[in-house]
N, C-alpha and C. Protein backbone atom coordinates (compact mmCIF):
# COMPACT_ATOMS: atom_id res chain seq x y z
N UNK A 1 175.04 85.10 91.90
CA UNK A 1 174.79 83.68 91.97
C UNK A 1 175.36 83.12 93.27
N UNK A 2 174.80 82.02 93.69
CA UNK A 2 175.28 81.38 94.91
C UNK A 2 176.60 80.66 94.63
N UNK A 3 177.33 80.36 95.69
CA UNK A 3 178.59 79.63 95.55
C UNK A 3 178.35 78.27 94.91
N UNK A 4 177.25 77.65 95.26
CA UNK A 4 176.92 76.33 94.71
C UNK A 4 176.77 76.41 93.19
N UNK A 5 176.05 77.42 92.71
CA UNK A 5 175.86 77.60 91.27
C UNK A 5 177.19 77.93 90.59
N UNK A 6 177.96 78.81 91.20
CA UNK A 6 179.27 79.16 90.62
C UNK A 6 180.16 77.94 90.48
N UNK A 7 180.15 77.06 91.47
CA UNK A 7 180.96 75.85 91.42
C UNK A 7 180.51 74.96 90.26
N UNK A 8 179.20 74.82 90.09
CA UNK A 8 178.68 74.00 89.00
C UNK A 8 179.06 74.60 87.65
N UNK A 9 178.92 75.92 87.51
CA UNK A 9 179.27 76.59 86.26
C UNK A 9 180.74 76.37 85.93
N UNK A 10 181.61 76.50 86.91
CA UNK A 10 183.05 76.29 86.68
C UNK A 10 183.33 74.85 86.24
N UNK A 11 182.62 73.89 86.80
CA UNK A 11 182.80 72.49 86.42
C UNK A 11 182.29 72.25 85.00
N UNK A 12 181.16 72.82 84.66
CA UNK A 12 180.58 72.64 83.33
C UNK A 12 181.49 73.25 82.27
N UNK A 13 182.15 74.35 82.58
CA UNK A 13 183.03 75.01 81.62
C UNK A 13 184.20 74.12 81.21
N UNK A 14 184.53 73.11 82.01
CA UNK A 14 185.66 72.23 81.68
C UNK A 14 185.25 71.05 80.80
N UNK A 15 183.95 70.86 80.56
CA UNK A 15 183.47 69.72 79.80
C UNK A 15 183.67 69.93 78.29
N UNK A 16 183.81 68.81 77.58
CA UNK A 16 183.86 68.86 76.12
C UNK A 16 182.44 68.95 75.59
N UNK A 17 182.29 69.17 74.30
CA UNK A 17 180.97 69.25 73.69
C UNK A 17 180.23 67.92 73.86
N UNK A 18 180.92 66.82 73.65
CA UNK A 18 180.29 65.51 73.79
C UNK A 18 179.82 65.31 75.22
N UNK A 19 180.65 65.70 76.19
CA UNK A 19 180.26 65.57 77.60
C UNK A 19 179.07 66.47 77.92
N UNK A 20 179.02 67.66 77.35
CA UNK A 20 177.88 68.55 77.57
C UNK A 20 176.58 67.95 77.03
N UNK A 21 176.67 67.34 75.86
CA UNK A 21 175.49 66.70 75.27
C UNK A 21 175.02 65.57 76.19
N UNK A 22 175.96 64.78 76.70
CA UNK A 22 175.61 63.70 77.61
C UNK A 22 174.97 64.25 78.89
N UNK A 23 175.54 65.34 79.42
CA UNK A 23 175.01 65.95 80.63
C UNK A 23 173.57 66.42 80.42
N UNK A 24 173.33 67.09 79.31
CA UNK A 24 171.99 67.60 79.02
C UNK A 24 171.01 66.44 78.90
N UNK A 25 171.42 65.37 78.22
CA UNK A 25 170.55 64.20 78.07
C UNK A 25 170.22 63.60 79.44
N UNK A 26 171.21 63.51 80.31
CA UNK A 26 170.99 62.96 81.65
C UNK A 26 170.05 63.86 82.46
N UNK A 27 170.26 65.18 82.37
CA UNK A 27 169.41 66.11 83.11
C UNK A 27 167.97 66.05 82.62
N UNK A 28 167.77 66.00 81.29
CA UNK A 28 166.42 65.91 80.74
C UNK A 28 165.74 64.63 81.21
N UNK A 29 166.50 63.54 81.21
CA UNK A 29 165.94 62.25 81.65
C UNK A 29 165.59 62.29 83.14
N UNK A 30 166.52 62.77 83.95
CA UNK A 30 166.32 62.79 85.39
C UNK A 30 165.19 63.72 85.81
N UNK A 31 165.02 64.82 85.06
CA UNK A 31 164.00 65.81 85.42
C UNK A 31 162.71 65.64 84.63
N UNK A 32 162.70 64.73 83.66
CA UNK A 32 161.50 64.50 82.86
C UNK A 32 161.15 65.65 81.95
N UNK A 33 162.16 66.28 81.35
CA UNK A 33 161.95 67.44 80.48
C UNK A 33 162.17 67.01 79.03
N UNK A 34 161.27 67.45 78.13
CA UNK A 34 161.43 67.13 76.71
C UNK A 34 162.06 68.32 75.99
N UNK A 35 162.56 68.08 74.77
CA UNK A 35 163.13 69.16 73.97
C UNK A 35 162.11 70.26 73.72
N UNK A 36 160.87 69.88 73.48
CA UNK A 36 159.82 70.86 73.19
C UNK A 36 159.56 71.78 74.38
N UNK A 37 159.84 71.30 75.60
CA UNK A 37 159.57 72.09 76.80
C UNK A 37 160.69 73.07 77.12
N UNK A 38 161.83 72.90 76.49
CA UNK A 38 162.97 73.78 76.78
C UNK A 38 162.75 75.14 76.16
N UNK A 39 162.96 76.18 76.93
CA UNK A 39 162.77 77.54 76.42
C UNK A 39 164.09 78.14 75.95
N UNK A 40 165.21 77.55 76.34
CA UNK A 40 166.53 78.08 76.00
C UNK A 40 166.95 77.70 74.60
N UNK A 41 168.21 78.00 74.25
CA UNK A 41 168.72 77.68 72.92
C UNK A 41 168.76 76.17 72.69
N UNK A 42 168.68 75.79 71.43
CA UNK A 42 168.70 74.37 71.08
C UNK A 42 170.04 73.76 71.44
N UNK A 43 170.01 72.49 71.83
CA UNK A 43 171.23 71.78 72.19
C UNK A 43 171.78 71.15 70.93
N UNK A 44 173.05 71.33 70.67
CA UNK A 44 173.69 70.77 69.49
C UNK A 44 173.85 69.28 69.65
N UNK A 45 173.67 68.55 68.56
CA UNK A 45 173.85 67.10 68.58
C UNK A 45 175.33 66.78 68.70
N UNK A 46 175.63 65.59 69.22
CA UNK A 46 177.03 65.16 69.35
C UNK A 46 177.65 65.01 67.97
N UNK A 47 178.93 65.34 67.83
CA UNK A 47 179.59 65.18 66.53
C UNK A 47 179.61 63.71 66.12
N UNK A 48 179.70 63.47 64.83
CA UNK A 48 179.76 62.11 64.31
C UNK A 48 181.02 61.43 64.80
N UNK A 49 181.06 60.11 64.69
CA UNK A 49 182.23 59.34 65.12
C UNK A 49 183.47 59.94 64.49
N UNK A 50 184.53 60.04 65.23
CA UNK A 50 185.75 60.69 64.76
C UNK A 50 185.91 62.03 65.44
N UNK A 51 184.81 62.68 65.82
CA UNK A 51 184.85 63.91 66.61
C UNK A 51 185.44 65.11 65.90
N UNK A 52 185.63 65.05 64.59
CA UNK A 52 186.26 66.16 63.88
C UNK A 52 185.32 67.36 63.74
N UNK A 53 184.04 67.10 63.66
CA UNK A 53 183.08 68.19 63.46
C UNK A 53 182.79 68.87 64.79
N UNK A 54 182.83 70.19 64.78
CA UNK A 54 182.50 70.97 65.98
C UNK A 54 181.02 71.32 65.93
N UNK A 55 180.40 71.39 67.08
CA UNK A 55 178.98 71.73 67.14
C UNK A 55 178.82 73.21 66.79
N UNK A 56 177.83 73.51 65.96
CA UNK A 56 177.57 74.89 65.58
C UNK A 56 176.89 75.59 66.75
N UNK A 57 177.32 76.82 67.00
CA UNK A 57 176.75 77.59 68.10
C UNK A 57 176.09 78.83 67.55
N UNK A 58 175.04 79.25 68.20
CA UNK A 58 174.38 80.49 67.83
C UNK A 58 175.30 81.64 68.23
N UNK A 59 175.33 82.70 67.44
CA UNK A 59 176.21 83.82 67.78
C UNK A 59 175.80 84.47 69.09
N UNK A 60 176.78 84.92 69.84
CA UNK A 60 176.51 85.59 71.11
C UNK A 60 176.83 87.08 71.02
N UNK A 61 177.54 87.47 69.98
CA UNK A 61 177.86 88.88 69.76
C UNK A 61 177.33 89.28 68.40
N UNK A 62 176.81 90.48 68.32
CA UNK A 62 176.19 90.95 67.09
C UNK A 62 176.76 92.29 66.68
N UNK A 63 176.65 92.58 65.37
CA UNK A 63 177.05 93.89 64.88
C UNK A 63 175.88 94.50 64.12
N UNK A 64 175.81 95.82 64.19
CA UNK A 64 174.76 96.57 63.51
C UNK A 64 175.43 97.38 62.41
N UNK A 65 174.95 97.17 61.18
CA UNK A 65 175.51 97.86 60.03
C UNK A 65 174.47 98.79 59.43
N UNK A 66 174.85 100.04 59.23
CA UNK A 66 173.99 100.99 58.54
C UNK A 66 174.16 100.72 57.05
N UNK A 67 173.09 100.31 56.38
CA UNK A 67 173.20 99.99 54.95
C UNK A 67 172.78 101.15 54.06
N UNK A 68 171.92 102.03 54.61
CA UNK A 68 171.46 103.18 53.84
C UNK A 68 170.88 104.22 54.81
N UNK A 69 171.19 105.46 54.58
CA UNK A 69 170.70 106.53 55.45
C UNK A 69 169.21 106.80 55.32
N UNK A 70 168.60 106.30 54.24
CA UNK A 70 167.17 106.50 54.04
C UNK A 70 166.88 107.77 53.28
N UNK A 71 165.61 108.01 53.04
CA UNK A 71 165.17 109.17 52.26
C UNK A 71 165.48 110.48 52.97
N UNK A 72 165.35 110.50 54.29
CA UNK A 72 165.62 111.70 55.07
C UNK A 72 166.86 111.45 55.92
N UNK A 73 168.03 111.67 55.32
CA UNK A 73 169.30 111.35 55.99
C UNK A 73 169.53 112.18 57.24
N UNK A 74 168.88 113.31 57.34
CA UNK A 74 169.08 114.19 58.50
C UNK A 74 168.75 113.45 59.79
N UNK A 75 167.65 112.70 59.79
CA UNK A 75 167.28 111.95 60.99
C UNK A 75 168.32 110.89 61.32
N UNK A 76 168.81 110.19 60.30
CA UNK A 76 169.84 109.17 60.52
C UNK A 76 171.12 109.82 61.05
N UNK A 77 171.46 110.97 60.55
CA UNK A 77 172.66 111.68 61.01
C UNK A 77 172.52 112.05 62.49
N UNK A 78 171.34 112.51 62.88
CA UNK A 78 171.10 112.86 64.28
C UNK A 78 171.29 111.65 65.19
N UNK A 79 170.75 110.51 64.77
CA UNK A 79 170.85 109.30 65.59
C UNK A 79 172.31 108.81 65.65
N UNK A 80 173.01 108.85 64.52
CA UNK A 80 174.42 108.43 64.50
C UNK A 80 175.25 109.35 65.40
N UNK A 81 174.97 110.65 65.38
CA UNK A 81 175.68 111.59 66.28
C UNK A 81 175.47 111.19 67.73
N UNK A 82 174.23 110.87 68.07
CA UNK A 82 173.89 110.50 69.44
C UNK A 82 174.58 109.19 69.83
N UNK A 83 174.52 108.19 68.97
CA UNK A 83 175.06 106.87 69.27
C UNK A 83 176.58 106.87 69.36
N UNK A 84 177.23 107.49 68.38
CA UNK A 84 178.69 107.43 68.28
C UNK A 84 179.39 108.65 68.86
N UNK A 85 178.64 109.69 69.21
CA UNK A 85 179.25 110.89 69.78
C UNK A 85 180.08 111.66 68.77
N UNK A 86 179.66 111.63 67.51
CA UNK A 86 180.40 112.32 66.45
C UNK A 86 179.90 113.75 66.26
N UNK A 87 180.73 114.56 65.66
CA UNK A 87 180.32 115.89 65.27
C UNK A 87 179.44 115.80 64.03
N UNK A 88 178.84 116.90 63.67
CA UNK A 88 177.91 116.91 62.54
C UNK A 88 178.57 116.45 61.24
N UNK A 89 179.72 116.99 60.92
CA UNK A 89 180.39 116.64 59.66
C UNK A 89 180.77 115.16 59.63
N UNK A 90 181.29 114.64 60.76
CA UNK A 90 181.68 113.24 60.80
C UNK A 90 180.47 112.31 60.71
N UNK A 91 179.37 112.68 61.38
CA UNK A 91 178.16 111.87 61.33
C UNK A 91 177.58 111.87 59.92
N UNK A 92 177.62 113.03 59.26
CA UNK A 92 177.13 113.14 57.88
C UNK A 92 177.97 112.25 56.96
N UNK A 93 179.28 112.31 57.10
CA UNK A 93 180.17 111.48 56.28
C UNK A 93 179.94 110.00 56.55
N UNK A 94 179.68 109.66 57.80
CA UNK A 94 179.42 108.27 58.18
C UNK A 94 178.18 107.76 57.47
N UNK A 95 177.09 108.51 57.55
CA UNK A 95 175.81 108.10 56.95
C UNK A 95 175.94 108.05 55.43
N UNK A 96 176.58 109.03 54.84
CA UNK A 96 176.72 109.06 53.39
C UNK A 96 177.68 107.99 52.88
N UNK A 97 178.53 107.48 53.76
CA UNK A 97 179.48 106.44 53.39
C UNK A 97 178.96 105.03 53.59
N UNK A 98 177.67 104.90 53.87
CA UNK A 98 177.08 103.57 54.11
C UNK A 98 177.30 102.68 52.89
N UNK A 99 177.47 101.40 53.10
CA UNK A 99 177.30 100.64 54.34
C UNK A 99 178.51 100.77 55.27
N UNK A 100 178.22 100.94 56.54
CA UNK A 100 179.24 101.05 57.58
C UNK A 100 178.75 100.38 58.85
N UNK A 101 179.69 99.74 59.55
CA UNK A 101 179.36 99.11 60.83
C UNK A 101 179.22 100.21 61.87
N UNK A 102 178.07 100.23 62.54
CA UNK A 102 177.82 101.22 63.58
C UNK A 102 178.46 100.77 64.88
N UNK A 103 178.16 99.55 65.31
CA UNK A 103 178.74 98.99 66.54
C UNK A 103 178.87 97.49 66.39
N UNK A 104 179.88 96.94 67.05
CA UNK A 104 180.11 95.49 67.06
C UNK A 104 180.19 94.99 68.50
N UNK A 105 180.08 93.68 68.65
CA UNK A 105 180.24 93.07 69.96
C UNK A 105 179.08 93.30 70.91
N UNK A 106 177.91 93.56 70.36
CA UNK A 106 176.73 93.81 71.19
C UNK A 106 175.98 92.51 71.46
N UNK A 107 175.27 92.46 72.57
CA UNK A 107 174.38 91.32 72.78
C UNK A 107 173.15 91.55 71.90
N UNK A 108 172.34 90.51 71.74
CA UNK A 108 171.21 90.56 70.81
C UNK A 108 170.23 91.69 71.15
N UNK A 109 169.92 91.87 72.43
CA UNK A 109 168.97 92.90 72.83
C UNK A 109 169.49 94.30 72.50
N UNK A 110 170.76 94.54 72.78
CA UNK A 110 171.35 95.85 72.51
C UNK A 110 171.42 96.11 71.01
N UNK A 111 171.75 95.08 70.23
CA UNK A 111 171.82 95.22 68.78
C UNK A 111 170.43 95.53 68.21
N UNK A 112 169.42 94.83 68.70
CA UNK A 112 168.06 95.08 68.23
C UNK A 112 167.58 96.48 68.61
N UNK A 113 167.94 96.93 69.81
CA UNK A 113 167.55 98.27 70.27
C UNK A 113 168.20 99.34 69.39
N UNK A 114 169.49 99.16 69.10
CA UNK A 114 170.21 100.10 68.25
C UNK A 114 169.61 100.12 66.85
N UNK A 115 169.32 98.94 66.31
CA UNK A 115 168.73 98.85 64.97
C UNK A 115 167.37 99.54 64.94
N UNK A 116 166.60 99.39 66.00
CA UNK A 116 165.28 100.03 66.07
C UNK A 116 165.40 101.55 66.04
N UNK A 117 166.37 102.09 66.79
CA UNK A 117 166.56 103.56 66.79
C UNK A 117 166.86 104.05 65.38
N UNK A 118 167.73 103.32 64.69
CA UNK A 118 168.10 103.75 63.33
C UNK A 118 166.93 103.58 62.36
N UNK A 119 166.19 102.49 62.48
CA UNK A 119 165.03 102.27 61.61
C UNK A 119 163.95 103.32 61.86
N UNK A 120 163.76 103.67 63.12
CA UNK A 120 162.78 104.71 63.46
C UNK A 120 163.16 106.04 62.84
N UNK A 121 164.46 106.25 62.60
CA UNK A 121 164.94 107.48 61.97
C UNK A 121 164.86 107.39 60.44
N UNK A 122 164.41 106.24 59.93
CA UNK A 122 164.27 106.08 58.49
C UNK A 122 165.44 105.40 57.82
N UNK A 123 166.44 105.01 58.57
CA UNK A 123 167.62 104.37 57.99
C UNK A 123 167.36 102.88 57.78
N UNK A 124 168.16 102.30 56.91
CA UNK A 124 168.11 100.86 56.69
C UNK A 124 169.31 100.26 57.40
N UNK A 125 169.08 99.20 58.17
CA UNK A 125 170.16 98.57 58.94
C UNK A 125 170.09 97.06 58.82
N UNK A 126 171.22 96.45 59.16
CA UNK A 126 171.32 95.00 59.15
C UNK A 126 171.96 94.58 60.47
N UNK A 127 171.35 93.59 61.14
CA UNK A 127 171.90 93.04 62.36
C UNK A 127 172.35 91.63 62.04
N UNK A 128 173.62 91.33 62.35
CA UNK A 128 174.13 89.99 62.09
C UNK A 128 175.12 89.58 63.16
N UNK A 129 175.28 88.28 63.29
CA UNK A 129 176.24 87.74 64.27
C UNK A 129 177.64 88.16 63.89
N UNK A 130 178.41 88.54 64.91
CA UNK A 130 179.78 88.99 64.63
C UNK A 130 180.75 87.86 64.84
């Protein structure tokens, strides 16, 4: 990023939620952008008077949980060995001990990719915000 962008990001990081909402409203007005035109995440509404309520945020970190090894556990064991670098016995115990968290702290794309690998192997998985 350019120095100009970095400076703006650093300034925005110091704002409160109410100030961020005001900033977004001003930017939309100045640039003529509607909520429907925004492609990014939804902007949280300002908290009610009193300011006690915090704005809900979408999760930024996700975890992938193996819920069931599936009908053919051998494929799930192979994928778990590859993902976690486990030996055969440990991977087998992991799959048979489901439900178990495979990985945590992943971004959405990485969590979805990991879940797809496991689903392609016949396993059942759950992706949720961590």
